[in-house]
Amino acid sequence: MALAFVLVGVMLVASGIKNTQGQLGALIVSDFTGAGNFWYYIAGIFAVGTIGYYQPARDISRLLIVLILLVLFLSNEGIWAQLQSGLATAQAAPSVPQAGPTGNLIGAALSAGQAAAGASPILGAAQSAGQAAGGALFNLLGGL
């Protein structure tokens, strides 16, 4: 359970760094509302799981849960298809974030600094090796 909280925390921090928490919230809301949402799967797993408490029906209950999970993963709009489309769009995304309407100022300043051939985006002076390494680290974190 602690691992689940850590993974959710990492997901929220990454969403905050990328300034996409509004999109994440809309995505989560759409998963649980509207047609074809996950409540049907959750209710089905709960119902089959409660049948499993009846000792003679335990094996049938386990097989039905495996069937529900297979349908969830292999259906046309299921987890597997969404994972593949998400990975395909993630590979096509630019690696350096650009300043949006809310402004990713750190990423934009560092991008401008790298484009100016080593000039500091704030001071306008040449960067040291430590500043260049720090800029690369911030660009890496901004691309998460």
N, C-alpha and C. Protein backbone atom coordinates (compact mmCIF):
# COMPACT_ATOMS: atom_id res chain seq x y z
N MET A 1 0.82 -1.19 0.00
CA MET A 1 0.00 0.00 0.00
C MET A 1 0.87 1.26 0.00
N ALA A 2 2.00 1.17 0.72
CA ALA A 2 2.90 2.32 0.75
C ALA A 2 3.48 2.59 -0.63
N LEU A 3 3.75 1.52 -1.39
CA LEU A 3 4.27 1.69 -2.74
C LEU A 3 3.26 2.40 -3.63
N ALA A 4 1.98 2.10 -3.46
CA ALA A 4 0.94 2.77 -4.24
C ALA A 4 0.92 4.27 -3.92
N PHE A 5 1.06 4.62 -2.64
CA PHE A 5 1.09 6.04 -2.28
C PHE A 5 2.33 6.73 -2.85
N VAL A 6 3.45 6.05 -2.85
CA VAL A 6 4.67 6.62 -3.42
C VAL A 6 4.50 6.85 -4.91
N LEU A 7 3.92 5.88 -5.62
CA LEU A 7 3.72 6.03 -7.06
C LEU A 7 2.75 7.16 -7.38
N VAL A 8 1.68 7.27 -6.60
CA VAL A 8 0.73 8.37 -6.81
C VAL A 8 1.41 9.71 -6.53
N GLY A 9 2.23 9.76 -5.48
CA GLY A 9 2.96 10.98 -5.16
C GLY A 9 3.92 11.38 -6.26
N VAL A 10 4.64 10.41 -6.82
CA VAL A 10 5.56 10.70 -7.92
C VAL A 10 4.79 11.21 -9.13
N MET A 11 3.64 10.61 -9.40
CA MET A 11 2.82 11.05 -10.53
C MET A 11 2.34 12.48 -10.32
N LEU A 12 1.93 12.82 -9.10
CA LEU A 12 1.46 14.18 -8.82
C LEU A 12 2.60 15.19 -8.90
N VAL A 13 3.78 14.83 -8.41
CA VAL A 13 4.92 15.74 -8.48
C VAL A 13 5.33 15.95 -9.94
N ALA A 14 5.37 14.88 -10.73
CA ALA A 14 5.72 15.02 -12.15
C ALA A 14 4.70 15.89 -12.88
N SER A 15 3.43 15.73 -12.54
CA SER A 15 2.40 16.56 -13.15
C SER A 15 2.55 18.01 -12.74
N GLY A 16 2.94 18.25 -11.49
CA GLY A 16 3.17 19.62 -11.04
C GLY A 16 4.37 20.26 -11.71
N ILE A 17 5.44 19.48 -11.89
CA ILE A 17 6.64 20.01 -12.55
C ILE A 17 6.32 20.38 -13.99
N LYS A 18 5.53 19.55 -14.66
CA LYS A 18 5.21 19.81 -16.06
C LYS A 18 4.08 20.83 -16.21
N ASN A 19 3.48 21.25 -15.07
CA ASN A 19 2.37 22.20 -15.06
C ASN A 19 1.16 21.66 -15.83
N THR A 20 0.88 20.36 -15.64
CA THR A 20 -0.25 19.72 -16.32
C THR A 20 -1.24 19.13 -15.32
N GLN A 21 -1.30 19.70 -14.10
CA GLN A 21 -2.19 19.14 -13.09
C GLN A 21 -3.66 19.29 -13.48
N GLY A 22 -4.01 20.33 -14.23
CA GLY A 22 -5.39 20.48 -14.70
C GLY A 22 -5.77 19.38 -15.68
N GLN A 23 -4.85 19.04 -16.58
CA GLN A 23 -5.11 17.95 -17.53
C GLN A 23 -5.21 16.61 -16.80
N LEU A 24 -4.36 16.40 -15.79
CA LEU A 24 -4.41 15.17 -15.02
C LEU A 24 -5.74 15.04 -14.29
N GLY A 25 -6.21 16.13 -13.68
CA GLY A 25 -7.50 16.11 -13.00
C GLY A 25 -8.64 15.82 -13.95
N ALA A 26 -8.64 16.44 -15.12
CA ALA A 26 -9.68 16.20 -16.12
C ALA A 26 -9.66 14.75 -16.59
N LEU A 27 -8.47 14.19 -16.74
CA LEU A 27 -8.34 12.80 -17.17
C LEU A 27 -8.90 11.84 -16.13
N ILE A 28 -8.59 12.10 -14.86
CA ILE A 28 -9.09 11.23 -13.80
C ILE A 28 -10.60 11.35 -13.68
N VAL A 29 -11.15 12.55 -13.79
CA VAL A 29 -12.60 12.73 -13.74
C VAL A 29 -13.27 12.00 -14.90
N SER A 30 -12.69 12.07 -16.09
CA SER A 30 -13.29 11.41 -17.25
C SER A 30 -13.23 9.89 -17.13
N ASP A 31 -12.27 9.36 -16.37
CA ASP A 31 -12.20 7.91 -16.17
C ASP A 31 -13.36 7.40 -15.31
N PHE A 32 -13.90 8.25 -14.44
CA PHE A 32 -14.94 7.80 -13.53
C PHE A 32 -16.30 8.40 -13.81
N THR A 33 -16.46 9.17 -14.87
CA THR A 33 -17.76 9.72 -15.25
C THR A 33 -18.00 9.45 -16.73
N GLY A 34 -19.24 9.58 -17.15
CA GLY A 34 -19.58 9.41 -18.56
C GLY A 34 -19.76 7.95 -18.94
N ALA A 35 -19.96 7.72 -20.22
CA ALA A 35 -20.20 6.37 -20.73
C ALA A 35 -18.90 5.58 -20.74
N GLY A 36 -18.99 4.30 -20.41
CA GLY A 36 -17.84 3.41 -20.46
C GLY A 36 -16.79 3.70 -19.41
N ASN A 37 -17.22 4.15 -18.23
CA ASN A 37 -16.24 4.48 -17.19
C ASN A 37 -15.83 3.23 -16.42
N PHE A 38 -14.92 3.41 -15.48
CA PHE A 38 -14.36 2.28 -14.74
C PHE A 38 -15.24 1.79 -13.59
N TRP A 39 -16.31 2.50 -13.28
CA TRP A 39 -17.18 2.04 -12.18
C TRP A 39 -17.77 0.66 -12.49
N TYR A 40 -18.03 0.37 -13.77
CA TYR A 40 -18.57 -0.94 -14.13
C TYR A 40 -17.57 -2.05 -13.80
N TYR A 41 -16.32 -1.82 -14.11
CA TYR A 41 -15.30 -2.81 -13.79
C TYR A 41 -15.11 -2.95 -12.28
N ILE A 42 -15.12 -1.84 -11.57
CA ILE A 42 -14.95 -1.88 -10.12
C ILE A 42 -16.12 -2.62 -9.49
N ALA A 43 -17.34 -2.34 -9.93
CA ALA A 43 -18.52 -3.03 -9.39
C ALA A 43 -18.48 -4.52 -9.72
N GLY A 44 -18.05 -4.86 -10.94
CA GLY A 44 -17.95 -6.27 -11.32
C GLY A 44 -16.93 -7.03 -10.49
N ILE A 45 -15.77 -6.43 -10.29
CA ILE A 45 -14.74 -7.08 -9.48
C ILE A 45 -15.21 -7.23 -8.04
N PHE A 46 -15.89 -6.21 -7.51
CA PHE A 46 -16.41 -6.29 -6.14
C PHE A 46 -17.45 -7.40 -6.02
N ALA A 47 -18.37 -7.48 -6.99
CA ALA A 47 -19.43 -8.50 -6.94
C ALA A 47 -18.84 -9.90 -7.04
N VAL A 48 -17.91 -10.09 -7.96
CA VAL A 48 -17.30 -11.42 -8.11
C VAL A 48 -16.46 -11.76 -6.89
N GLY A 49 -15.81 -10.76 -6.31
CA GLY A 49 -15.02 -10.99 -5.11
C GLY A 49 -15.87 -11.40 -3.92
N THR A 50 -17.06 -10.81 -3.80
CA THR A 50 -17.94 -11.22 -2.70
C THR A 50 -18.47 -12.62 -2.91
N ILE A 51 -18.65 -13.04 -4.15
CA ILE A 51 -19.06 -14.42 -4.42
C ILE A 51 -17.97 -15.38 -3.96
N GLY A 52 -16.73 -14.95 -4.04
CA GLY A 52 -15.60 -15.78 -3.64
C GLY A 52 -15.56 -16.11 -2.16
N TYR A 53 -16.29 -15.36 -1.34
CA TYR A 53 -16.35 -15.68 0.09
C TYR A 53 -17.17 -16.94 0.36
N TYR A 54 -18.02 -17.32 -0.58
CA TYR A 54 -18.77 -18.58 -0.46
C TYR A 54 -17.84 -19.70 -0.91
N GLN A 55 -17.47 -20.57 0.00
CA GLN A 55 -16.40 -21.55 -0.22
C GLN A 55 -16.57 -22.39 -1.49
N PRO A 56 -17.74 -22.96 -1.79
CA PRO A 56 -17.84 -23.77 -3.03
C PRO A 56 -17.68 -22.96 -4.32
N ALA A 57 -17.89 -21.64 -4.28
CA ALA A 57 -17.81 -20.83 -5.49
C ALA A 57 -16.48 -20.08 -5.60
N ARG A 58 -15.52 -20.42 -4.74
CA ARG A 58 -14.25 -19.68 -4.71
C ARG A 58 -13.48 -19.82 -6.03
N ASP A 59 -13.39 -21.02 -6.58
CA ASP A 59 -12.64 -21.22 -7.83
C ASP A 59 -13.30 -20.49 -9.01
N ILE A 60 -14.61 -20.54 -9.07
CA ILE A 60 -15.33 -19.86 -10.14
C ILE A 60 -15.14 -18.35 -10.01
N SER A 61 -15.16 -17.85 -8.79
CA SER A 61 -14.96 -16.43 -8.55
C SER A 61 -13.58 -15.98 -9.01
N ARG A 62 -12.57 -16.76 -8.71
CA ARG A 62 -11.21 -16.41 -9.14
C ARG A 62 -11.08 -16.41 -10.66
N LEU A 63 -11.70 -17.37 -11.32
CA LEU A 63 -11.65 -17.41 -12.78
C LEU A 63 -12.38 -16.21 -13.39
N LEU A 64 -13.50 -15.81 -12.79
CA LEU A 64 -14.22 -14.65 -13.30
C LEU A 64 -13.43 -13.36 -13.10
N ILE A 65 -12.71 -13.24 -11.99
CA ILE A 65 -11.88 -12.05 -11.78
C ILE A 65 -10.77 -12.00 -12.82
N VAL A 66 -10.16 -13.14 -13.12
CA VAL A 66 -9.13 -13.17 -14.17
C VAL A 66 -9.74 -12.77 -15.50
N LEU A 67 -10.95 -13.22 -15.80
CA LEU A 67 -11.62 -12.86 -17.04
C LEU A 67 -11.89 -11.35 -17.11
N ILE A 68 -12.34 -10.76 -16.01
CA ILE A 68 -12.60 -9.32 -15.97
C ILE A 68 -11.30 -8.55 -16.20
N LEU A 69 -10.22 -8.97 -15.55
CA LEU A 69 -8.94 -8.28 -15.74
C LEU A 69 -8.42 -8.42 -17.17
N LEU A 70 -8.62 -9.60 -17.78
CA LEU A 70 -8.23 -9.77 -19.19
C LEU A 70 -9.01 -8.84 -20.11
N VAL A 71 -10.31 -8.72 -19.86
CA VAL A 71 -11.13 -7.82 -20.68
C VAL A 71 -10.68 -6.38 -20.49
N LEU A 72 -10.36 -6.02 -19.26
CA LEU A 72 -9.89 -4.66 -18.98
C LEU A 72 -8.61 -4.36 -19.75
N PHE A 73 -7.69 -5.31 -19.82
CA PHE A 73 -6.42 -5.08 -20.50
C PHE A 73 -6.52 -5.22 -22.01
N LEU A 74 -7.34 -6.13 -22.49
CA LEU A 74 -7.33 -6.43 -23.92
C LEU A 74 -8.45 -5.78 -24.71
N SER A 75 -9.39 -5.11 -24.06
CA SER A 75 -10.46 -4.47 -24.82
C SER A 75 -9.90 -3.34 -25.66
N ASN A 76 -10.65 -2.90 -26.66
CA ASN A 76 -10.17 -1.92 -27.62
C ASN A 76 -9.84 -0.58 -26.96
N GLU A 77 -10.58 -0.20 -25.93
CA GLU A 77 -10.32 1.06 -25.24
C GLU A 77 -9.81 0.81 -23.83
N GLY A 78 -9.24 -0.36 -23.58
CA GLY A 78 -8.80 -0.73 -22.25
C GLY A 78 -7.43 -0.19 -21.90
N ILE A 79 -6.87 -0.72 -20.85
CA ILE A 79 -5.61 -0.23 -20.32
C ILE A 79 -4.48 -0.40 -21.33
N TRP A 80 -4.41 -1.54 -22.00
CA TRP A 80 -3.31 -1.80 -22.93
C TRP A 80 -3.33 -0.82 -24.11
N ALA A 81 -4.52 -0.59 -24.69
CA ALA A 81 -4.63 0.34 -25.82
C ALA A 81 -4.30 1.76 -25.38
N GLN A 82 -4.76 2.17 -24.20
CA GLN A 82 -4.47 3.51 -23.71
C GLN A 82 -2.98 3.67 -23.40
N LEU A 83 -2.36 2.60 -22.87
CA LEU A 83 -0.93 2.64 -22.58
C LEU A 83 -0.13 2.80 -23.87
N GLN A 84 -0.51 2.04 -24.90
CA GLN A 84 0.21 2.15 -26.17
C GLN A 84 0.05 3.53 -26.79
N SER A 85 -1.16 4.09 -26.77
CA SER A 85 -1.36 5.42 -27.35
C SER A 85 -0.65 6.48 -26.52
N GLY A 86 -0.62 6.32 -25.21
CA GLY A 86 0.09 7.26 -24.36
C GLY A 86 1.58 7.23 -24.60
N LEU A 87 2.14 6.02 -24.77
CA LEU A 87 3.56 5.92 -25.05
C LEU A 87 3.90 6.46 -26.43
N ALA A 88 3.01 6.30 -27.39
CA ALA A 88 3.26 6.82 -28.73
C ALA A 88 3.26 8.34 -28.72
N THR A 89 2.36 8.96 -27.98
CA THR A 89 2.33 10.42 -27.93
C THR A 89 3.47 10.96 -27.07
N ALA A 90 3.90 10.19 -26.06
CA ALA A 90 5.01 10.64 -25.22
C ALA A 90 6.32 10.65 -26.01
N GLN A 91 6.47 9.73 -26.94
CA GLN A 91 7.69 9.71 -27.74
C GLN A 91 7.71 10.86 -28.74
N ALA A 92 6.54 11.31 -29.17
CA ALA A 92 6.47 12.38 -30.15
C ALA A 92 6.57 13.75 -29.50
N ALA A 93 6.48 13.84 -28.17
CA ALA A 93 6.51 15.13 -27.48
C ALA A 93 7.92 15.70 -27.50
N PRO A 94 8.04 17.01 -27.52
CA PRO A 94 9.38 17.62 -27.50
C PRO A 94 10.04 17.38 -26.15
N SER A 95 11.37 17.27 -26.17
CA SER A 95 12.09 16.98 -24.93
C SER A 95 12.30 18.21 -24.07
N VAL A 96 12.28 19.41 -24.65
CA VAL A 96 12.47 20.63 -23.88
C VAL A 96 11.14 21.37 -23.83
N PRO A 97 10.63 21.64 -22.62
CA PRO A 97 9.34 22.33 -22.54
C PRO A 97 9.45 23.77 -22.97
N GLN A 98 8.38 24.29 -23.54
CA GLN A 98 8.33 25.69 -23.96
C GLN A 98 7.44 26.44 -22.97
N ALA A 99 7.61 27.73 -22.88
CA ALA A 99 6.79 28.54 -21.98
C ALA A 99 5.38 28.60 -22.51
N GLY A 100 4.42 28.22 -21.68
CA GLY A 100 3.02 28.24 -22.07
C GLY A 100 2.34 29.49 -21.53
N PRO A 101 0.99 29.49 -21.54
CA PRO A 101 0.29 30.67 -21.06
C PRO A 101 0.53 30.91 -19.57
N THR A 102 0.72 29.84 -18.80
CA THR A 102 1.02 30.03 -17.39
C THR A 102 2.50 30.24 -17.18
N GLY A 103 3.31 29.86 -18.16
CA GLY A 103 4.73 30.18 -18.15
C GLY A 103 5.58 29.19 -17.39
N ASN A 104 6.29 28.37 -18.11
CA ASN A 104 7.31 27.54 -17.49
C ASN A 104 8.59 28.34 -17.61
N LEU A 105 8.76 29.30 -16.69
CA LEU A 105 9.83 30.28 -16.82
C LEU A 105 11.21 29.66 -16.72
N ILE A 106 11.36 28.67 -15.85
CA ILE A 106 12.69 28.06 -15.70
C ILE A 106 13.09 27.35 -16.98
N GLY A 107 12.17 26.53 -17.53
CA GLY A 107 12.48 25.81 -18.76
C GLY A 107 12.72 26.76 -19.93
N ALA A 108 11.92 27.83 -20.02
CA ALA A 108 12.09 28.78 -21.12
C ALA A 108 13.39 29.55 -20.97
N ALA A 109 13.72 29.95 -19.74
CA ALA A 109 14.97 30.69 -19.52
C ALA A 109 16.18 29.82 -19.81
N LEU A 110 16.12 28.56 -19.38
CA LEU A 110 17.24 27.68 -19.64
C LEU A 110 17.36 27.36 -21.12
N SER A 111 16.24 27.21 -21.81
CA SER A 111 16.28 26.98 -23.25
C SER A 111 16.88 28.18 -23.95
N ALA A 112 16.49 29.38 -23.52
CA ALA A 112 17.04 30.59 -24.13
C ALA A 112 18.52 30.71 -23.84
N GLY A 113 18.91 30.27 -22.64
CA GLY A 113 20.32 30.34 -22.27
C GLY A 113 21.16 29.39 -23.10
N GLN A 114 20.64 28.21 -23.38
CA GLN A 114 21.39 27.26 -24.19
C GLN A 114 21.43 27.73 -25.64
N ALA A 115 20.38 28.39 -26.09
CA ALA A 115 20.34 28.85 -27.47
C ALA A 115 21.32 30.01 -27.68
N ALA A 116 21.65 30.73 -26.61
CA ALA A 116 22.54 31.88 -26.74
C ALA A 116 24.00 31.48 -26.60
N ALA A 117 24.31 30.24 -26.89
CA ALA A 117 25.68 29.71 -26.91
C ALA A 117 26.43 29.96 -25.61
N GLY A 118 25.83 29.54 -24.52
CA GLY A 118 26.51 29.61 -23.25
C GLY A 118 26.25 30.86 -22.45
N ALA A 119 25.46 31.78 -22.95
CA ALA A 119 25.17 33.00 -22.20
C ALA A 119 24.15 32.69 -21.13
N SER A 120 24.29 33.28 -19.98
CA SER A 120 23.35 33.10 -18.88
C SER A 120 22.05 33.82 -19.22
N PRO A 121 20.87 33.16 -19.08
CA PRO A 121 19.63 33.82 -19.43
C PRO A 121 19.30 34.97 -18.49
N ILE A 122 19.90 34.99 -17.31
CA ILE A 122 19.58 36.04 -16.35
C ILE A 122 20.62 37.16 -16.41
N LEU A 123 21.88 36.80 -16.33
CA LEU A 123 22.93 37.80 -16.26
C LEU A 123 23.51 38.18 -17.61
N GLY A 124 23.36 37.34 -18.61
CA GLY A 124 23.89 37.61 -19.92
C GLY A 124 25.37 37.32 -20.03
N ALA A 125 25.99 36.75 -19.01
CA ALA A 125 27.42 36.44 -19.03
C ALA A 125 27.61 34.98 -19.44
N ALA A 126 28.84 34.61 -19.73
CA ALA A 126 29.14 33.24 -20.10
C ALA A 126 28.95 32.32 -18.89
N GLN A 127 28.45 31.11 -19.15
CA GLN A 127 28.20 30.15 -18.09
C GLN A 127 29.46 29.37 -17.77
N SER A 128 29.58 29.01 -16.49
CA SER A 128 30.65 28.12 -16.09
C SER A 128 30.19 26.68 -16.36
N ALA A 129 31.11 25.74 -16.15
CA ALA A 129 30.75 24.33 -16.36
C ALA A 129 29.66 23.90 -15.38
N GLY A 130 29.70 24.40 -14.15
CA GLY A 130 28.67 24.07 -13.16
C GLY A 130 27.32 24.62 -13.54
N GLN A 131 27.29 25.85 -14.08
CA GLN A 131 26.02 26.42 -14.51
C GLN A 131 25.45 25.65 -15.70
N ALA A 132 26.28 25.21 -16.61
CA ALA A 132 25.81 24.44 -17.75
C ALA A 132 25.26 23.09 -17.30
N ALA A 133 25.94 22.45 -16.33
CA ALA A 133 25.45 21.17 -15.82
C ALA A 133 24.14 21.36 -15.08
N GLY A 134 24.03 22.46 -14.31
CA GLY A 134 22.77 22.74 -13.62
C GLY A 134 21.64 23.01 -14.59
N GLY A 135 21.96 23.72 -15.68
CA GLY A 135 20.94 23.97 -16.70
C GLY A 135 20.47 22.69 -17.35
N ALA A 136 21.39 21.77 -17.59
CA ALA A 136 21.01 20.48 -18.16
C ALA A 136 20.13 19.70 -17.19
N LEU A 137 20.42 19.79 -15.89
CA LEU A 137 19.61 19.10 -14.90
C LEU A 137 18.20 19.68 -14.85
N PHE A 138 18.09 21.03 -14.89
CA PHE A 138 16.77 21.64 -14.87
C PHE A 138 15.98 21.30 -16.13
N ASN A 139 16.64 21.22 -17.28
CA ASN A 139 15.96 20.82 -18.50
C ASN A 139 15.48 19.39 -18.41
N LEU A 140 16.28 18.52 -17.80
CA LEU A 140 15.88 17.14 -17.63
C LEU A 140 14.67 17.05 -16.72
N LEU A 141 14.68 17.78 -15.61
CA LEU A 141 13.55 17.76 -14.68
C LEU A 141 12.32 18.41 -15.31
N GLY A 142 12.50 19.43 -16.10
CA GLY A 142 11.37 20.07 -16.77
C GLY A 142 10.76 19.18 -17.81
N GLY A 143 11.50 18.23 -18.37
CA GLY A 143 10.97 17.33 -19.39
C GLY A 143 10.26 16.13 -18.82
N LEU A 144 10.22 15.96 -17.51
CA LEU A 144 9.53 14.80 -16.90
C LEU A 144 8.05 14.92 -17.02
